[in-house]
Amino acid sequence: MAAQYQDLNFDEGDDFPYNLTLVDGSSDPIDLTGYTFYMTLKKDKSDSDAQSIYKKTITSIPSPTLGVVSITIDRADTLNITPGIYPYDIKFKTAGGDVRTVLRGNYNLVQGVTDSVA
């Protein structure tokens, strides 16, 4: 499975739920039981993981046999990131220890207009 390229665009201060569905060559869902997912944003691809501006680890997958993992970046997280374009990737580690990059691209955070919502 080669990593797909996709740019993600959203507004600062918004919750950003992203559902990722993994399927095999026959378009059947991949069983994600025991998988761990990692999402990392950096200012520059060459930065170390310790220098990343956002990292998230997802270990809980409610319906792993459906092949769907939900990655949510909360509005509080985006308020701590300066609007701009950042490289990101999403990797997974299988229960057997295999590691693969499944998605990569640019994370475009657009400056919000509204400061707060009651």
Protein backbone atom coordinates (compact mmCIF):
# COMPACT_ATOMS: atom_id res chain seq x y z
CA MET A 1 0.00 0.00 0.00
CA ALA A 2 1.59 3.27 -1.13
CA ALA A 3 0.93 6.44 0.82
CA GLN A 4 -1.76 8.66 -0.69
CA TYR A 5 -1.26 12.41 -1.04
CA GLN A 6 -4.02 14.71 0.19
CA ASP A 7 -3.95 18.31 1.33
CA LEU A 8 -6.15 19.09 4.33
CA ASN A 9 -7.73 22.56 4.57
CA PHE A 10 -9.62 23.93 7.54
CA ASP A 11 -10.19 26.99 9.70
CA GLU A 12 -8.40 27.85 12.91
CA GLY A 13 -10.64 27.34 15.94
CA ASP A 14 -12.76 24.61 14.31
CA ASP A 15 -13.00 20.99 15.37
CA PHE A 16 -11.62 18.90 12.54
CA PRO A 17 -12.83 15.29 12.47
CA TYR A 18 -11.21 13.26 9.72
CA ASN A 19 -12.29 9.70 8.94
CA LEU A 20 -9.78 7.51 7.17
CA THR A 21 -10.94 4.22 5.64
CA LEU A 22 -8.40 1.54 4.79
CA VAL A 23 -9.28 -1.12 2.22
CA ASP A 24 -7.33 -3.91 0.60
CA GLY A 25 -6.81 -4.53 -3.12
CA SER A 26 -10.32 -5.98 -3.40
CA SER A 27 -11.85 -2.87 -1.73
CA ASP A 28 -12.65 -4.88 1.39
CA PRO A 29 -12.08 -3.11 4.74
CA ILE A 30 -8.78 -3.86 6.45
CA ASP A 31 -9.25 -5.10 10.01
CA LEU A 32 -7.57 -2.47 12.20
CA THR A 33 -7.64 -4.52 15.39
CA GLY A 34 -4.49 -3.76 17.34
CA TYR A 35 -3.43 -0.89 15.06
CA THR A 36 -2.10 2.42 16.36
CA PHE A 37 -2.28 5.56 14.22
CA TYR A 38 -0.01 8.59 14.41
CA MET A 39 -0.54 12.05 12.92
CA THR A 40 2.32 14.55 12.92
CA LEU A 41 2.54 18.17 11.70
CA LYS A 42 5.85 19.97 11.40
CA LYS A 43 7.03 23.39 10.27
CA ASP A 44 9.52 21.61 8.03
CA LYS A 45 9.75 17.97 6.99
CA SER A 46 13.35 17.85 8.20
CA ASP A 47 12.38 18.82 11.78
CA SER A 48 12.66 16.06 14.36
CA ASP A 49 9.52 14.59 15.90
CA ALA A 50 10.43 16.46 19.09
CA GLN A 51 10.12 19.71 17.11
CA SER A 52 6.69 18.89 15.66
CA ILE A 53 3.95 21.46 16.17
CA TYR A 54 1.26 18.81 16.59
CA LYS A 55 1.32 15.09 17.31
CA LYS A 56 -1.60 12.78 17.95
CA THR A 57 -1.67 9.07 18.72
CA ILE A 58 -4.88 7.10 18.17
CA THR A 59 -5.10 3.73 19.90
CA SER A 60 -8.89 3.44 20.24
CA ILE A 61 -10.73 2.40 17.08
CA PRO A 62 -14.42 1.81 17.90
CA SER A 63 -15.18 -0.52 14.94
CA PRO A 64 -11.84 -1.87 13.73
CA THR A 65 -13.34 -4.49 11.41
CA LEU A 66 -14.90 -1.70 9.30
CA GLY A 67 -11.43 -0.34 8.47
CA VAL A 68 -12.31 3.19 9.66
CA VAL A 69 -10.25 5.30 12.04
CA SER A 70 -11.36 8.75 13.14
CA ILE A 71 -8.70 11.37 13.73
CA THR A 72 -10.02 14.50 15.40
CA ILE A 73 -8.06 17.68 15.89
CA ASP A 74 -9.87 19.74 18.50
CA ARG A 75 -10.43 23.50 18.15
CA ALA A 76 -8.25 24.09 21.22
CA ASP A 77 -5.38 22.43 19.36
CA THR A 78 -5.73 24.62 16.27
CA LEU A 79 -5.78 27.79 18.37
CA ASN A 80 -2.21 26.95 19.41
CA ILE A 81 -0.99 26.65 15.81
CA THR A 82 -0.08 29.74 13.79
CA PRO A 83 -2.13 29.78 10.56
CA GLY A 84 -0.06 28.58 7.62
CA ILE A 85 0.80 25.53 5.53
CA TYR A 86 2.52 22.61 7.24
CA PRO A 87 3.65 19.18 6.03
CA TYR A 88 1.88 16.31 7.76
CA ASP A 89 1.63 12.56 7.58
CA ILE A 90 -0.47 9.81 9.07
CA LYS A 91 1.21 6.50 9.83
CA PHE A 92 0.00 3.28 11.36
CA LYS A 93 1.63 0.46 13.23
CA THR A 94 0.01 -2.97 13.00
CA ALA A 95 -0.37 -5.37 15.90
CA GLY A 96 2.52 -7.28 14.31
CA GLY A 97 4.78 -4.22 14.36
CA ASP A 98 4.71 -3.23 10.67
CA VAL A 99 4.81 0.56 10.16
CA ARG A 100 3.44 2.31 7.08
CA THR A 101 2.66 5.85 6.00
CA VAL A 102 -0.90 5.89 4.73
CA LEU A 103 -1.48 9.59 4.04
CA ARG A 104 0.70 12.67 3.55
CA GLY A 105 0.37 16.17 2.24
CA ASN A 106 0.06 19.76 3.38
CA TYR A 107 -2.04 20.88 6.31
CA ASN A 108 -3.43 24.33 5.47
CA LEU A 109 -4.67 26.15 8.57
CA VAL A 110 -6.62 29.26 7.59
CA GLN A 111 -6.87 32.07 10.13
CA GLY A 112 -10.34 32.23 11.66
CA VAL A 113 -12.51 35.35 11.89
CA THR A 114 -14.75 34.56 14.87
CA ASP A 115 -12.86 34.48 18.18
CA SER A 116 -15.39 32.45 20.16
CA VAL A 117 -18.75 30.77 19.85
CA ALA A 118 -21.13 30.76 22.81
